[in-house]
Protein backbone atom coordinates (compact mmCIF):
# COMPACT_ATOMS: atom_id res chain seq x y z
CA MET A 1 -0.44 -55.94 -137.92
CA PHE A 2 2.96 -54.44 -138.62
CA TYR A 3 4.43 -57.89 -138.99
CA ASN A 4 2.06 -58.63 -142.05
CA PHE A 5 3.09 -55.23 -143.67
CA HIS A 6 6.76 -55.69 -143.28
CA ALA A 7 6.69 -59.28 -144.27
CA SER A 8 4.55 -58.51 -147.45
CA LEU A 9 6.89 -55.57 -148.31
CA LYS A 10 10.08 -57.63 -147.98
CA SER A 11 8.83 -60.64 -149.85
CA GLY A 12 7.53 -58.34 -152.77
CA ALA A 13 4.07 -59.38 -152.41
CA LEU A 14 2.87 -55.85 -152.82
CA SER A 15 2.70 -54.03 -156.23
CA PRO A 16 4.70 -50.82 -156.75
CA LEU A 17 1.47 -48.77 -156.57
CA SER A 18 0.68 -50.46 -153.01
CA LYS A 19 4.21 -49.82 -151.82
CA LYS A 20 4.12 -46.17 -152.76
CA TYR A 21 0.72 -45.59 -151.07
CA ILE A 22 1.82 -47.52 -147.93
CA PHE A 23 5.02 -45.52 -147.52
CA SER A 24 3.21 -42.19 -147.93
CA SER A 25 1.01 -43.11 -144.91
CA THR A 26 3.68 -44.89 -142.71
CA LEU A 27 4.18 -41.60 -140.79
CA LEU A 28 0.44 -41.44 -139.93
CA MET A 29 0.33 -45.01 -138.75
CA LEU A 30 3.39 -44.77 -136.63
CA SER A 31 1.85 -41.66 -134.98
CA LEU A 32 -1.35 -43.54 -134.38
CA TRP A 33 0.47 -46.59 -132.97
CA THR A 34 2.63 -44.57 -130.68
CA TYR A 35 -0.34 -43.01 -128.78
CA SER A 36 -2.69 -45.88 -128.97
CA PRO A 37 -3.65 -48.23 -125.98
CA LEU A 38 -2.28 -51.15 -127.80
CA SER A 39 1.25 -49.59 -128.07
CA VAL A 40 1.04 -48.65 -124.35
CA ALA A 41 0.31 -52.21 -123.55
CA LYS A 42 3.54 -53.11 -125.25
CA ASN A 43 5.45 -50.94 -122.90
CA LYS A 44 4.27 -51.59 -119.17
CA THR A 45 6.84 -49.18 -117.96
CA GLU A 46 5.10 -46.21 -119.70
CA GLU A 47 1.55 -47.46 -118.82
CA LYS A 48 -0.47 -45.64 -116.20
CA THR A 49 -4.03 -47.11 -115.64
CA LEU A 50 -6.80 -45.04 -114.01
CA THR A 51 -9.42 -46.86 -111.86
CA LEU A 52 -12.91 -45.34 -111.25
CA SER A 53 -12.27 -45.35 -107.44
CA SER A 54 -9.08 -43.25 -107.86
CA ALA A 55 -11.06 -40.86 -110.06
CA ILE A 56 -13.63 -40.46 -107.68
CA LYS A 57 -11.19 -39.72 -104.97
CA ARG A 58 -9.46 -37.00 -106.92
CA VAL A 59 -12.77 -35.43 -107.63
CA LEU A 60 -13.56 -35.46 -103.95
CA LYS A 61 -10.45 -33.68 -103.20
CA GLU A 62 -10.25 -31.17 -105.99
CA SER A 63 -13.93 -30.32 -107.03
CA PRO A 64 -14.97 -26.68 -106.13
CA SER A 65 -18.56 -27.65 -106.16
CA LEU A 66 -18.06 -29.71 -102.99
CA LYS A 67 -15.72 -27.25 -101.29
CA VAL A 68 -18.32 -24.51 -101.22
CA PHE A 69 -20.39 -26.61 -98.68
CA LYS A 70 -17.44 -25.90 -96.21
CA PHE A 71 -18.06 -22.26 -96.41
CA ARG A 72 -22.00 -22.56 -96.20
CA GLN A 73 -21.66 -24.68 -93.04
CA ALA A 74 -19.29 -21.94 -91.52
CA ALA A 75 -21.99 -19.33 -92.34
CA LEU A 76 -24.71 -21.44 -90.51
CA GLU A 77 -22.36 -21.86 -87.50
CA GLY A 78 -22.06 -17.97 -87.37
CA GLN A 79 -25.79 -17.58 -87.56
CA GLN A 80 -26.38 -20.15 -84.93
CA GLN A 81 -24.00 -18.27 -82.50
CA SER A 82 -25.82 -15.08 -83.27
CA GLN A 83 -29.35 -16.45 -82.87
CA SER A 84 -28.53 -18.29 -79.60
CA LEU A 85 -27.88 -14.98 -77.88
CA LYS A 86 -30.33 -13.48 -75.53
CA PRO A 87 -31.70 -10.01 -76.05
CA ALA A 88 -29.05 -7.32 -75.56
CA TYR A 89 -29.29 -4.80 -72.55
CA GLU A 90 -29.29 -1.20 -73.33
CA ILE A 91 -28.02 1.74 -71.22
CA GLY A 92 -29.46 5.11 -71.59
CA PHE A 93 -28.96 8.59 -70.42
CA GLU A 94 -31.48 11.51 -70.55
CA VAL A 95 -31.34 15.10 -69.63
CA ASP A 96 -34.50 17.26 -69.18
CA ASN A 97 -35.30 20.92 -68.64
CA PHE A 98 -31.50 21.62 -69.24
CA ALA A 99 -32.17 24.73 -71.38
CA GLY A 100 -35.10 27.10 -71.99
CA THR A 101 -36.43 30.57 -71.37
CA GLY A 102 -36.85 32.47 -68.30
CA ASN A 103 -35.75 30.55 -65.15
CA MET A 104 -35.11 27.32 -67.09
CA THR A 105 -31.21 26.98 -66.45
CA LEU A 106 -29.10 23.93 -66.43
CA LYS A 107 -28.01 24.58 -62.92
CA ASP A 108 -31.55 24.96 -61.16
CA ASN A 109 -33.99 22.91 -63.14
CA ALA A 110 -32.25 20.06 -65.15
CA GLU A 111 -33.12 16.49 -64.42
CA PHE A 112 -30.75 13.71 -65.19
CA THR A 113 -31.95 9.95 -65.86
CA LEU A 114 -29.66 6.94 -66.12
CA SER A 115 -31.46 3.85 -67.27
CA LEU A 116 -31.08 0.14 -68.13
CA SER A 117 -33.49 -1.61 -70.51
CA SER A 118 -33.85 -4.83 -72.34
CA ILE A 119 -36.69 -7.08 -73.80
CA PHE A 120 -38.54 -10.00 -72.33
CA GLU A 121 -39.08 -12.49 -75.35
CA LEU A 122 -42.46 -14.26 -75.11
CA GLY A 123 -43.33 -17.31 -77.14
CA ASP A 124 -40.14 -19.23 -76.91
CA LYS A 125 -38.61 -17.27 -79.85
CA ARG A 126 -35.07 -18.09 -79.04
CA ASN A 127 -35.55 -21.76 -79.34
CA ALA A 128 -37.66 -21.31 -82.43
CA ARG A 129 -34.73 -19.35 -84.03
CA LEU A 130 -32.30 -22.01 -83.12
CA LYS A 131 -34.62 -24.75 -84.65
CA VAL A 132 -34.62 -22.99 -87.90
CA ILE A 133 -30.74 -23.00 -88.05
CA THR A 134 -30.61 -26.62 -87.05
CA THR A 135 -32.97 -27.67 -89.78
CA ARG A 136 -31.06 -25.50 -92.30
CA LYS A 137 -27.99 -27.66 -91.41
CA SER A 138 -29.92 -30.80 -92.20
CA HIS A 139 -31.15 -29.37 -95.53
CA LEU A 140 -27.49 -28.31 -96.27
CA ASP A 141 -26.38 -31.97 -95.74
CA ALA A 142 -29.04 -33.11 -98.18
CA GLN A 143 -27.94 -30.57 -100.82
CA ARG A 144 -24.40 -31.80 -100.39
CA GLU A 145 -25.36 -35.44 -100.90
CA ILE A 146 -27.28 -34.54 -104.08
CA GLN A 147 -24.23 -32.48 -105.33
CA ALA A 148 -22.03 -35.35 -104.49
CA LEU A 149 -24.14 -37.87 -106.22
CA ASN A 150 -24.58 -35.84 -109.42
CA LEU A 151 -20.87 -35.23 -109.42
CA PHE A 152 -20.03 -39.03 -109.02
CA GLY A 153 -22.59 -39.75 -111.62
CA GLU A 154 -20.85 -37.32 -114.11
CA VAL A 155 -17.41 -38.94 -113.29
CA THR A 156 -18.61 -42.30 -113.94
CA ARG A 157 -20.17 -41.29 -117.29
CA ARG A 158 -17.13 -39.77 -118.41
CA TYR A 159 -15.09 -42.69 -117.24
CA ILE A 160 -17.27 -44.81 -119.33
CA ASP A 161 -16.81 -42.67 -122.23
CA VAL A 162 -13.03 -43.16 -121.93
CA LEU A 163 -13.41 -46.81 -121.75
CA SER A 164 -15.74 -47.02 -124.83
CA ALA A 165 -13.25 -44.74 -126.71
CA GLN A 166 -10.51 -47.12 -125.71
CA GLU A 167 -12.42 -50.04 -127.15
CA ARG A 168 -13.29 -48.18 -130.34
CA LEU A 169 -9.70 -47.28 -131.03
CA SER A 170 -8.64 -51.01 -130.47
CA LEU A 171 -11.33 -51.96 -132.98
CA ALA A 172 -10.02 -49.28 -135.46
CA PHE A 173 -6.57 -50.81 -135.36
CA GLU A 174 -7.88 -54.25 -135.92
CA ALA A 175 -9.79 -52.91 -138.88
CA ILE A 176 -6.64 -51.51 -140.19
CA GLN A 177 -4.99 -55.02 -139.93
CA LEU A 178 -7.94 -56.60 -141.70
CA ALA A 179 -7.66 -53.95 -144.47
CA GLU A 180 -3.87 -54.78 -144.78
CA GLU A 181 -4.53 -58.57 -144.98
CA THR A 182 -7.30 -57.80 -147.63
CA LEU A 183 -4.70 -55.88 -149.68
CA ILE A 184 -2.15 -58.63 -149.49
CA GLU A 185 -4.92 -61.21 -150.78
CA VAL A 186 -5.91 -58.71 -153.63
CA GLU A 187 -2.29 -58.42 -154.60
CA LYS A 188 -1.87 -62.24 -154.81
CA ARG A 189 -5.05 -62.54 -156.83
CA SER A 190 -3.96 -59.62 -159.12
CA LYS A 191 -0.39 -61.22 -159.69
CA ALA A 192 -2.19 -64.52 -160.69
CA GLY A 193 -4.13 -62.59 -163.27
CA ILE A 194 -7.55 -63.26 -161.36
CA SER A 195 -8.29 -59.85 -160.18
CA PRO A 196 -8.10 -56.65 -162.02
CA GLU A 197 -5.69 -53.75 -161.16
CA ALA A 198 -8.78 -51.71 -160.01
CA GLU A 199 -9.36 -53.93 -157.03
CA ILE A 200 -5.85 -53.04 -155.70
CA LYS A 201 -6.84 -49.45 -155.87
CA ARG A 202 -10.24 -50.14 -153.98
CA ALA A 203 -8.23 -52.23 -151.36
CA LEU A 204 -5.90 -49.32 -150.90
CA ALA A 205 -8.69 -46.92 -150.50
CA ALA A 206 -10.15 -49.08 -148.07
CA LEU A 207 -6.87 -49.15 -146.04
CA GLY A 208 -6.79 -45.47 -146.25
CA ASN A 209 -10.45 -45.06 -144.79
CA ALA A 210 -9.45 -47.50 -142.05
CA ARG A 211 -6.43 -45.27 -141.02
CA LEU A 212 -8.60 -42.14 -141.32
CA THR A 213 -10.99 -43.91 -138.79
CA ALA A 214 -8.23 -44.90 -136.45
CA SER A 215 -7.15 -41.17 -136.55
CA SER A 216 -10.53 -39.96 -135.70
CA GLU A 217 -10.87 -42.62 -132.84
CA GLN A 218 -7.50 -41.52 -131.50
CA GLN A 219 -8.63 -37.92 -131.31
CA GLN A 220 -11.81 -38.90 -129.54
CA PHE A 221 -9.91 -41.00 -127.17
CA ASN A 222 -7.67 -38.04 -126.29
CA TYR A 223 -10.58 -35.76 -125.85
CA SER A 224 -12.51 -38.11 -123.53
CA LYS A 225 -9.44 -38.38 -121.32
CA VAL A 226 -9.11 -34.67 -121.16
CA ALA A 227 -12.77 -34.39 -120.29
CA LEU A 228 -12.47 -36.88 -117.49
CA ALA A 229 -9.29 -35.11 -116.07
CA MET A 230 -11.12 -31.78 -116.10
CA MET A 231 -13.38 -33.21 -113.35
CA TRP A 232 -10.35 -32.65 -111.16
CA ASN A 233 -9.22 -29.49 -112.67
CA LYS A 234 -6.49 -31.00 -114.75
CA THR A 235 -6.24 -29.98 -118.58
CA THR A 236 -3.64 -32.73 -119.19
CA PRO A 237 -4.40 -36.36 -118.29
CA GLU A 238 -1.85 -38.08 -116.22
CA PHE A 239 -3.18 -41.53 -117.19
CA THR A 240 -2.99 -43.47 -120.39
CA ARG A 241 -5.87 -45.82 -120.04
CA VAL A 242 -8.70 -46.76 -117.87
CA GLU A 243 -9.46 -49.97 -116.12
CA GLY A 244 -12.79 -51.74 -116.65
CA ASN A 245 -14.77 -54.26 -118.72
CA LEU A 246 -17.26 -52.43 -121.18
CA PHE A 247 -19.19 -55.85 -121.50
CA LEU A 248 -19.66 -56.78 -117.82
CA PHE A 249 -23.34 -55.94 -116.69
CA SER A 250 -24.75 -56.01 -113.28
CA ALA A 251 -27.75 -58.31 -112.40
CA ASP A 252 -31.21 -57.07 -113.26
CA ILE A 253 -33.70 -55.85 -110.50
CA PRO A 254 -37.40 -55.82 -110.81
CA PHE A 255 -38.70 -52.28 -111.48
CA LYS A 256 -40.84 -52.04 -108.37
CA LYS A 257 -37.95 -52.74 -106.19
CA LEU A 258 -36.09 -49.99 -107.83
CA TYR A 259 -38.77 -47.55 -107.51
CA ASP A 260 -39.02 -48.30 -103.81
CA LYS A 261 -35.32 -47.33 -103.51
CA VAL A 262 -36.06 -44.10 -105.43
CA LYS A 263 -38.07 -42.75 -102.40
CA GLN A 264 -34.75 -42.75 -100.48
CA ASN A 265 -33.14 -40.73 -103.05
CA PRO A 266 -31.19 -37.62 -101.65
CA GLU A 267 -33.38 -35.37 -103.83
CA ILE A 268 -36.40 -36.83 -102.02
CA LEU A 269 -34.86 -36.79 -98.67
CA MET A 270 -34.13 -33.11 -99.27
CA TYR A 271 -37.72 -32.27 -99.64
CA THR A 272 -38.28 -33.79 -96.29
CA SER A 273 -35.57 -31.70 -94.68
CA GLU A 274 -36.97 -28.71 -96.63
CA LYS A 275 -40.40 -29.39 -95.22
CA ARG A 276 -38.82 -29.49 -91.58
CA LEU A 277 -37.14 -26.30 -92.29
CA ARG A 278 -40.59 -24.64 -93.67
CA GLU A 279 -42.23 -25.92 -90.34
CA ALA A 280 -39.53 -24.56 -88.19
CA GLN A 281 -39.95 -21.19 -90.03
CA LEU A 282 -43.71 -21.49 -89.51
CA ARG A 283 -43.24 -21.92 -85.80
CA LEU A 284 -40.84 -18.91 -85.68
CA THR A 285 -43.37 -16.81 -87.53
CA ARG A 286 -46.09 -17.93 -85.06
CA THR A 287 -44.02 -16.91 -82.08
CA GLU A 288 -44.25 -13.33 -83.40
CA SER A 289 -47.88 -13.46 -82.65
CA ASN A 290 -46.67 -13.12 -78.88
CA ALA A 291 -45.51 -9.49 -78.47
CA ASN A 292 -42.30 -8.91 -76.61
CA ILE A 293 -42.23 -6.80 -73.59
CA LYS A 294 -39.65 -3.98 -73.33
CA TRP A 295 -38.80 -3.08 -69.95
CA SER A 296 -36.47 -0.33 -68.38
CA ILE A 297 -35.32 0.80 -64.88
CA GLY A 298 -33.42 3.68 -63.97
CA ILE A 299 -32.35 6.61 -61.59
CA LYS A 300 -33.52 10.12 -61.88
CA GLN A 301 -31.43 13.14 -60.50
CA PHE A 302 -33.35 16.34 -59.65
CA GLN A 303 -31.03 19.24 -59.88
CA ASP A 304 -32.98 21.86 -58.29
CA THR A 305 -33.63 19.76 -54.92
CA ASN A 306 -30.56 17.54 -55.32
CA ASN A 307 -32.69 14.45 -54.80
CA THR A 308 -32.87 11.00 -56.60
CA ALA A 309 -35.68 8.75 -57.52
CA LEU A 310 -36.09 5.39 -59.09
CA ASN A 311 -38.35 5.04 -62.21
CA ALA A 312 -39.35 1.89 -64.17
CA GLY A 313 -41.55 1.30 -67.16
CA PHE A 314 -42.50 -1.26 -69.74
CA SER A 315 -44.12 -1.33 -73.24
CA MET A 316 -45.43 -3.69 -75.71
CA PRO A 317 -47.05 -3.44 -79.10
CA LEU A 318 -50.88 -3.87 -79.53
CA PHE A 319 -52.56 -6.29 -81.72
CA ALA A 320 -49.47 -8.24 -82.42
CA ALA A 321 -51.37 -11.58 -83.17
CA LYS A 322 -53.69 -9.81 -85.84
CA ARG A 323 -50.75 -8.02 -87.51
CA ASN A 324 -48.86 -11.40 -87.80
CA THR A 325 -51.64 -13.20 -89.55
CA GLY A 326 -50.52 -12.54 -93.05
CA ALA A 327 -47.00 -13.75 -92.29
CA ILE A 328 -48.42 -16.98 -90.87
CA ILE A 329 -50.45 -17.71 -94.00
CA SER A 330 -47.31 -17.09 -96.19
CA ALA A 331 -45.20 -19.54 -94.09
CA LYS A 332 -48.05 -22.05 -94.25
CA ALA A 333 -48.17 -21.74 -98.09
CA ALA A 334 -44.27 -22.26 -98.37
CA ARG A 335 -44.54 -25.47 -96.34
CA ASP A 336 -47.47 -26.88 -98.55
CA GLU A 337 -45.73 -25.88 -101.60
CA VAL A 338 -42.87 -28.34 -100.57
CA ILE A 339 -45.25 -31.08 -100.30
CA ALA A 340 -46.55 -30.57 -103.79
CA LYS A 341 -43.04 -30.31 -105.16
CA LYS A 342 -42.05 -33.66 -103.53
CA GLU A 343 -44.96 -35.44 -105.30
CA THR A 344 -44.11 -33.75 -108.61
CA THR A 345 -40.34 -34.88 -108.27
CA LEU A 346 -41.46 -38.42 -107.45
CA LEU A 347 -43.33 -38.60 -110.72
CA LYS A 348 -40.46 -37.09 -112.63
CA LEU A 349 -38.04 -39.68 -111.01
CA HIS A 350 -40.45 -42.49 -111.77
CA SER A 351 -40.45 -41.55 -115.55
CA GLN A 352 -36.74 -41.20 -115.48
CA LEU A 353 -36.17 -44.50 -113.79
CA TYR A 354 -38.54 -46.43 -116.22
CA ARG A 355 -36.82 -44.92 -119.15
CA ALA A 356 -33.24 -45.83 -117.93
CA TYR A 357 -34.65 -49.25 -116.81
CA ALA A 358 -36.20 -50.22 -120.00
CA ASN A 359 -33.37 -48.81 -122.24
CA ARG A 360 -30.75 -50.54 -120.20
CA LYS A 361 -32.57 -53.90 -120.71
CA GLN A 362 -32.71 -53.20 -124.39
CA ALA A 363 -29.05 -52.23 -124.58
CA ILE A 364 -27.92 -55.34 -122.72
CA PHE A 365 -30.05 -57.57 -124.87
CA THR A 366 -28.59 -56.05 -127.99
CA THR A 367 -25.03 -56.42 -126.80
CA GLN A 368 -25.36 -59.87 -125.77
CA SER A 369 -27.12 -60.88 -128.98
CA LEU A 370 -24.33 -59.29 -131.02
CA ARG A 371 -21.72 -60.75 -128.93
CA ASN A 372 -23.03 -64.29 -128.65
CA SER A 373 -24.78 -64.88 -131.86
CA ILE A 374 -24.26 -62.18 -134.67
CA ILE A 375 -20.48 -61.56 -134.27
CA PRO A 376 -19.53 -65.16 -134.05
CA THR A 377 -21.56 -65.88 -137.17
CA LEU A 378 -20.00 -63.07 -139.08
CA THR A 379 -16.53 -64.04 -137.91
CA GLU A 380 -17.15 -67.53 -139.41
CA ALA A 381 -18.59 -66.03 -142.51
CA LEU A 382 -15.50 -63.71 -142.98
CA SER A 383 -13.19 -66.66 -142.70
CA GLU A 384 -15.06 -68.73 -145.18
CA THR A 385 -15.39 -65.76 -147.52
CA GLN A 386 -11.80 -65.18 -147.36
CA SER A 387 -11.00 -68.77 -148.04
CA ALA A 388 -13.43 -68.76 -151.18
CA TYR A 389 -12.20 -65.50 -152.30
CA GLN A 390 -8.60 -66.86 -152.34
CA LYS A 391 -10.05 -69.83 -154.57
CA GLY A 392 -11.71 -67.41 -156.82
CA ARG A 393 -15.27 -68.33 -155.87
CA TYR A 394 -16.24 -64.93 -154.36
CA SER A 395 -15.48 -61.49 -155.65
CA TYR A 396 -13.76 -58.68 -153.89
CA LEU A 397 -16.96 -57.06 -153.17
CA ASP A 398 -18.26 -60.04 -151.33
CA TYR A 399 -15.04 -60.13 -149.35
CA LEU A 400 -15.31 -56.46 -148.55
CA THR A 401 -19.01 -56.67 -147.60
CA VAL A 402 -18.69 -59.46 -144.92
CA ARG A 403 -15.61 -57.64 -143.48
CA GLN A 404 -17.48 -54.29 -143.17
CA GLU A 405 -20.52 -56.17 -141.69
CA LEU A 406 -18.26 -57.76 -139.02
CA LEU A 407 -16.69 -54.29 -138.02
CA PHE A 408 -20.21 -52.58 -137.97
CA ALA A 409 -21.53 -55.33 -135.58
CA ARG A 410 -18.45 -55.06 -133.33
CA ARG A 411 -18.83 -51.43 -133.35
CA ALA A 412 -22.52 -51.66 -132.53
CA MET A 413 -21.84 -53.89 -129.70
CA ILE A 414 -19.43 -51.42 -128.13
CA GLU A 415 -22.04 -48.64 -128.52
CA SER A 416 -24.76 -50.79 -126.94
CA ALA A 417 -22.59 -51.77 -124.10
CA THR A 418 -21.74 -48.12 -123.53
CA TYR A 419 -25.42 -47.22 -123.39
CA ALA A 420 -26.15 -50.12 -121.00
CA LEU A 421 -23.42 -49.09 -118.69
CA ASN A 422 -24.50 -45.27 -118.75
CA TYR A 423 -28.14 -46.33 -118.24
CA GLY A 424 -27.05 -48.33 -115.22
CA THR A 425 -25.09 -45.37 -113.96
CA GLU A 426 -28.30 -43.38 -114.27
CA ILE A 427 -30.27 -46.05 -112.27
CA GLU A 428 -27.75 -46.12 -109.67
CA GLN A 429 -27.95 -42.23 -109.26
CA LEU A 430 -31.52 -42.54 -109.03
CA ILE A 431 -31.73 -45.14 -106.46
CA ALA A 432 -28.68 -43.71 -104.60
CA GLU A 433 -27.00 -47.09 -104.23
CA PRO A 434 -25.14 -49.54 -106.57
CA LEU A 435 -26.67 -52.05 -108.61
CA PRO A 436 -25.64 -55.55 -107.48
CA ALA A 437 -22.01 -56.60 -108.68
CA SER A 438 -21.65 -53.38 -110.51
CA GLN A 439 -18.20 -52.53 -111.70
CA PHE A 440 -19.31 -49.06 -111.90
CA GLY A 441 -21.14 -48.71 -108.49
CA LEU A 442 -20.75 -44.96 -108.07
CA THR A 443 -22.74 -44.77 -104.75
CA ASN A 444 -20.75 -47.54 -102.97
CA LYS A 445 -17.77 -45.18 -103.56
CA PHE A 446 -20.06 -42.25 -102.50
CA GLN A 447 -20.97 -44.00 -99.25
CA GLU A 448 -17.50 -44.88 -98.37
CA GLN A 449 -16.26 -41.42 -98.31
CA SER A 450 -16.39 -39.01 -95.48
CA TYR A 451 -16.79 -35.31 -96.08
CA GLU A 452 -15.14 -32.91 -93.70
CA TYR A 453 -16.15 -29.42 -93.73
């Protein structure tokens, strides 16, 4: 690109108007070139490439949304320790008749009682409580898997955004090169007296627009890198580019097979664990229908006779089963609600999967059509139009139109490929496993990781 510019400038192929315009924008071009992926590729010592695997590892290490599960697990451990305890023993001391009127004095009539009491739990309440804690742990594991899967999906999407911006920036620099080559051709025709001076101005304006587009794409590339680095709490990216092929797609899978896998999605499995939790809570509620027996045993000291006696007693609430009926009804309703929510979620996931599946197929078809048919045809057309323009058979507008059509098709190919990869990521997130031969298989990274509380 710069070789053509300097060679033309040195040979005097450009007019004074062109030279003045180009010098005024040289600083902008150098700035864009310095920070572009293309310039980085020229200096391998400064290049730092990020892979998706390393990005996911950093998110695992730094993301606060995963760290919170460590504290939730610790809270459940504490609850389990508390719920595993048997009913506590109580010691009591009573004094009767220690004051009053007449002959009621502490010395002659007081009675002292020292007692020990506790509760006999009926209905296996302790095991029922422990079962609730155990199912809560399983439910927490399912929540953690959902959070991790959502997090990895977001990392992958932002990674694809960087890769897409990287491709668009490269295309923007190629557009600048095409605009410079067009300007050279217009200058040649103008010197030969074939083209008017106005065409030079139009070519200069087109070159300026190409540089503005490159500037915009550079800013978008920088922003997408920052957005990705923010996933591991970094505001300044430590990488210059990302690794990956924007136009490599995994093999297609029949929709029915994909939907069967959706049923193993952590979000669906979470409802299974939540149902177990509600059933455990229902069993615990039912144990409350069995009233506990409170017992006590003690020694009584009679002050007036200096004698002692043993006493014992027990008590239990009446009509415990009847009073617990409302709580059992509420617990059953909570359990049945989970079943209904699971069916609703399956329908929602079916809709999401079909939308992602259909849109991915269309995006891949569009990308491949552009890449294999339309872009090669436009490339040949541009070459032929350029040759015809040099010979005076085509106008500048014809030449410019074909060039713009080629750039538009290449940009459309990048956008379609980005859509295809993002829809593939959504499918992987829904089925909780990577698509075959997927370069962005987020869940294979997910399954390889071990989470330590």
